[in-house]
Amino acid sequence: MRCYSWFVFTNCTPGDDAEFNDWYDKVHVPDLLKVPGVVACRRSSLSEPQMGNDNGTLFMCGIEEIGAKYRYAACYSFETDDPKWVLEEILRRAGTEDMLMSETLADAYTILFEDRFEAARPA
């Protein structure tokens, strides 16, 4: 079985961060974890310290300098031999009783990667 990381970048409607995050954490993530092949989720929000890139030279900066488009990110772990089926199943469920959507979701961008290597700091 192969492993994949599905990155989902999102924004909510202006001023609705609390409602959006409550829905995402308590409704959306549990719904996605019911999809066969989806085994884990980690959510994040944009951090103020950032690292920019100016013609190959890295430098410290803030959110404004990097032109970040999305405030929130989620990384879902898939374990499957058929990632297309998992994505199609998510699309099939989205907006149904199996995967309720929120009006506070304003924008989303997704991208799937096949995992090639995993390392952890020694204990």
C-alpha atoms as a PDB file:
ATOM      1  CA  MET A   1       0.000   0.000   0.000  1.00  0.00           C
ATOM      2  CA  ARG A   2       1.293   3.454  -0.929  1.00  0.00           C
ATOM      3  CA  CYS A   3       1.125   6.596   1.194  1.00  0.00           C
ATOM      4  CA  TYR A   4       0.099  10.070   0.052  1.00  0.00           C
ATOM      5  CA  SER A   5      -0.104  13.552   1.525  1.00  0.00           C
ATOM      6  CA  TRP A   6      -3.075  15.626   0.411  1.00  0.00           C
ATOM      7  CA  PHE A   7      -2.600  19.314   1.149  1.00  0.00           C
ATOM      8  CA  VAL A   8      -5.724  21.466   1.360  1.00  0.00           C
ATOM      9  CA  PHE A   9      -5.272  25.237   1.610  1.00  0.00           C
ATOM     10  CA  THR A  10      -8.325  27.272   2.629  1.00  0.00           C
ATOM     11  CA  ASN A  11      -9.712  30.663   3.529  1.00  0.00           C
ATOM     12  CA  CYS A  12     -12.938  31.481   5.304  1.00  0.00           C
ATOM     13  CA  THR A  13     -15.393  34.274   4.758  1.00  0.00           C
ATOM     14  CA  PRO A  14     -14.174  37.505   6.410  1.00  0.00           C
ATOM     15  CA  GLY A  15     -14.725  37.595  10.160  1.00  0.00           C
ATOM     16  CA  ASP A  16     -15.906  33.977  10.358  1.00  0.00           C
ATOM     17  CA  ASP A  17     -12.662  32.356  11.558  1.00  0.00           C
ATOM     18  CA  ALA A  18     -14.118  30.968  14.804  1.00  0.00           C
ATOM     19  CA  GLU A  19     -17.162  29.419  13.089  1.00  0.00           C
ATOM     20  CA  PHE A  20     -15.030  28.118  10.205  1.00  0.00           C
ATOM     21  CA  ASN A  21     -12.461  26.477  12.488  1.00  0.00           C
ATOM     22  CA  ASP A  22     -15.175  24.979  14.694  1.00  0.00           C
ATOM     23  CA  TRP A  23     -16.854  23.406  11.619  1.00  0.00           C
ATOM     24  CA  TYR A  24     -13.548  22.273  10.146  1.00  0.00           C
ATOM     25  CA  ASP A  25     -12.270  20.631  13.335  1.00  0.00           C
ATOM     26  CA  LYS A  26     -15.531  19.166  14.656  1.00  0.00           C
ATOM     27  CA  VAL A  27     -17.418  18.301  11.439  1.00  0.00           C
ATOM     28  CA  HIS A  28     -15.249  18.320   8.329  1.00  0.00           C
ATOM     29  CA  VAL A  29     -12.169  16.481   9.586  1.00  0.00           C
ATOM     30  CA  PRO A  30     -14.243  13.669  11.179  1.00  0.00           C
ATOM     31  CA  ASP A  31     -16.239  13.345   7.934  1.00  0.00           C
ATOM     32  CA  LEU A  32     -13.054  13.086   5.872  1.00  0.00           C
ATOM     33  CA  LEU A  33     -11.558  10.521   8.250  1.00  0.00           C
ATOM     34  CA  LYS A  34     -14.552   8.265   7.480  1.00  0.00           C
ATOM     35  CA  VAL A  35     -13.459   8.008   3.835  1.00  0.00           C
ATOM     36  CA  PRO A  36     -11.621   4.698   3.300  1.00  0.00           C
ATOM     37  CA  GLY A  37      -7.931   5.412   2.764  1.00  0.00           C
ATOM     38  CA  VAL A  38      -7.876   8.711   4.707  1.00  0.00           C
ATOM     39  CA  VAL A  39      -5.990   7.870   7.902  1.00  0.00           C
ATOM     40  CA  ALA A  40      -4.901  11.142   9.520  1.00  0.00           C
ATOM     41  CA  CYS A  41      -5.177  14.924   9.417  1.00  0.00           C
ATOM     42  CA  ARG A  42      -3.054  17.789  10.687  1.00  0.00           C
ATOM     43  CA  ARG A  43      -4.317  21.396  10.505  1.00  0.00           C
ATOM     44  CA  SER A  44      -2.315  24.599  10.619  1.00  0.00           C
ATOM     45  CA  SER A  45      -2.791  28.342  10.387  1.00  0.00           C
ATOM     46  CA  LEU A  46      -0.454  30.830   8.773  1.00  0.00           C
ATOM     47  CA  SER A  47       2.402  31.963  11.018  1.00  0.00           C
ATOM     48  CA  GLU A  48       3.766  35.516  11.058  1.00  0.00           C
ATOM     49  CA  PRO A  49       7.475  34.658  10.746  1.00  0.00           C
ATOM     50  CA  GLN A  50       8.157  33.480   7.209  1.00  0.00           C
ATOM     51  CA  MET A  51      11.124  32.852   4.951  1.00  0.00           C
ATOM     52  CA  GLY A  52      11.099  34.658   1.615  1.00  0.00           C
ATOM     53  CA  ASN A  53      13.128  34.038  -1.533  1.00  0.00           C
ATOM     54  CA  ASP A  54      14.663  36.794  -3.634  1.00  0.00           C
ATOM     55  CA  ASN A  55      16.310  35.289  -6.731  1.00  0.00           C
ATOM     56  CA  GLY A  56      17.571  32.263  -4.785  1.00  0.00           C
ATOM     57  CA  THR A  57      18.550  34.176  -1.647  1.00  0.00           C
ATOM     58  CA  LEU A  58      16.505  33.236   1.410  1.00  0.00           C
ATOM     59  CA  PHE A  59      15.599  35.890   3.968  1.00  0.00           C
ATOM     60  CA  MET A  60      13.378  36.266   7.041  1.00  0.00           C
ATOM     61  CA  CYS A  61      10.155  38.223   6.563  1.00  0.00           C
ATOM     62  CA  GLY A  62       6.465  38.374   7.456  1.00  0.00           C
ATOM     63  CA  ILE A  63       3.243  37.225   5.808  1.00  0.00           C
ATOM     64  CA  GLU A  64       2.913  40.301   3.587  1.00  0.00           C
ATOM     65  CA  GLU A  65       6.298  39.798   1.918  1.00  0.00           C
ATOM     66  CA  ILE A  66       5.554  36.263   0.750  1.00  0.00           C
ATOM     67  CA  GLY A  67       2.146  37.098  -0.720  1.00  0.00           C
ATOM     68  CA  ALA A  68       0.420  34.196   1.032  1.00  0.00           C
ATOM     69  CA  LYS A  69      -2.959  33.480  -0.530  1.00  0.00           C
ATOM     70  CA  TYR A  70      -4.313  31.071   2.090  1.00  0.00           C
ATOM     71  CA  ARG A  71      -4.606  31.430   5.870  1.00  0.00           C
ATOM     72  CA  TYR A  72      -5.247  27.766   6.725  1.00  0.00           C
ATOM     73  CA  ALA A  73      -3.728  24.448   5.660  1.00  0.00           C
ATOM     74  CA  ALA A  74      -4.608  20.831   6.319  1.00  0.00           C
ATOM     75  CA  CYS A  75      -2.512  17.804   5.466  1.00  0.00           C
ATOM     76  CA  TYR A  76      -4.403  14.534   5.145  1.00  0.00           C
ATOM     77  CA  SER A  77      -2.550  11.227   5.047  1.00  0.00           C
ATOM     78  CA  PHE A  78      -3.835   8.627   2.602  1.00  0.00           C
ATOM     79  CA  GLU A  79      -2.909   4.940   2.662  1.00  0.00           C
ATOM     80  CA  THR A  80      -4.184   3.414  -0.575  1.00  0.00           C
ATOM     81  CA  ASP A  81      -3.238   1.809  -3.843  1.00  0.00           C
ATOM     82  CA  ASP A  82      -5.895   3.918  -5.594  1.00  0.00           C
ATOM     83  CA  PRO A  83      -5.565   7.619  -4.684  1.00  0.00           C
ATOM     84  CA  LYS A  84      -7.849   8.613  -7.551  1.00  0.00           C
ATOM     85  CA  TRP A  85     -10.662   6.586  -5.974  1.00  0.00           C
ATOM     86  CA  VAL A  86     -10.118   8.322  -2.600  1.00  0.00           C
ATOM     87  CA  LEU A  87     -10.293  11.782  -4.209  1.00  0.00           C
ATOM     88  CA  GLU A  88     -13.365  10.791  -6.239  1.00  0.00           C
ATOM     89  CA  GLU A  89     -15.048   9.474  -3.079  1.00  0.00           C
ATOM     90  CA  ILE A  90     -14.355  12.767  -1.294  1.00  0.00           C
ATOM     91  CA  LEU A  91     -15.918  14.638  -4.233  1.00  0.00           C
ATOM     92  CA  ARG A  92     -18.903  12.276  -4.220  1.00  0.00           C
ATOM     93  CA  ARG A  93     -19.533  12.849  -0.502  1.00  0.00           C
ATOM     94  CA  ALA A  94     -18.909  16.618  -0.454  1.00  0.00           C
ATOM     95  CA  GLY A  95     -22.103  18.542   0.173  1.00  0.00           C
ATOM     96  CA  THR A  96     -24.109  15.455   1.141  1.00  0.00           C
ATOM     97  CA  GLU A  97     -25.180  14.131   4.560  1.00  0.00           C
ATOM     98  CA  ASP A  98     -21.872  12.234   4.581  1.00  0.00           C
ATOM     99  CA  MET A  99     -19.812  15.419   4.308  1.00  0.00           C
ATOM    100  CA  LEU A 100     -21.568  18.595   5.340  1.00  0.00           C
ATOM    101  CA  MET A 101     -20.005  21.767   3.978  1.00  0.00           C
ATOM    102  CA  SER A 102     -19.970  25.209   5.585  1.00  0.00           C
ATOM    103  CA  GLU A 103     -20.923  28.529   4.029  1.00  0.00           C
ATOM    104  CA  THR A 104     -17.883  29.977   5.842  1.00  0.00           C
ATOM    105  CA  LEU A 105     -15.564  28.118   3.429  1.00  0.00           C
ATOM    106  CA  ALA A 106     -14.631  30.872   0.978  1.00  0.00           C
ATOM    107  CA  ASP A 107     -11.793  29.403  -1.072  1.00  0.00           C
ATOM    108  CA  ALA A 108      -9.810  26.165  -1.322  1.00  0.00           C
ATOM    109  CA  TYR A 109      -6.874  24.766  -3.256  1.00  0.00           C
ATOM    110  CA  THR A 110      -5.723  21.146  -3.059  1.00  0.00           C
ATOM    111  CA  ILE A 111      -2.714  19.186  -4.232  1.00  0.00           C
ATOM    112  CA  LEU A 112      -1.802  15.512  -3.758  1.00  0.00           C
ATOM    113  CA  PHE A 113       1.738  14.188  -3.360  1.00  0.00           C
ATOM    114  CA  GLU A 114       2.940  10.599  -3.222  1.00  0.00           C
ATOM    115  CA  ASP A 115       5.098  10.201  -0.120  1.00  0.00           C
ATOM    116  CA  ARG A 116       8.671   9.237  -0.853  1.00  0.00           C
ATOM    117  CA  PHE A 117      10.464   9.475   2.491  1.00  0.00           C
ATOM    118  CA  GLU A 118       9.641  10.008   6.147  1.00  0.00           C
ATOM    119  CA  ALA A 119      12.067  10.820   8.930  1.00  0.00           C
ATOM    120  CA  ALA A 120      11.664  11.716  12.590  1.00  0.00           C
ATOM    121  CA  ARG A 121      13.993  13.108  15.187  1.00  0.00           C
ATOM    122  CA  PRO A 122      15.496  10.301  17.297  1.00  0.00           C
ATOM    123  CA  ALA A 123      13.917   9.928  20.742  1.00  0.00           C
END
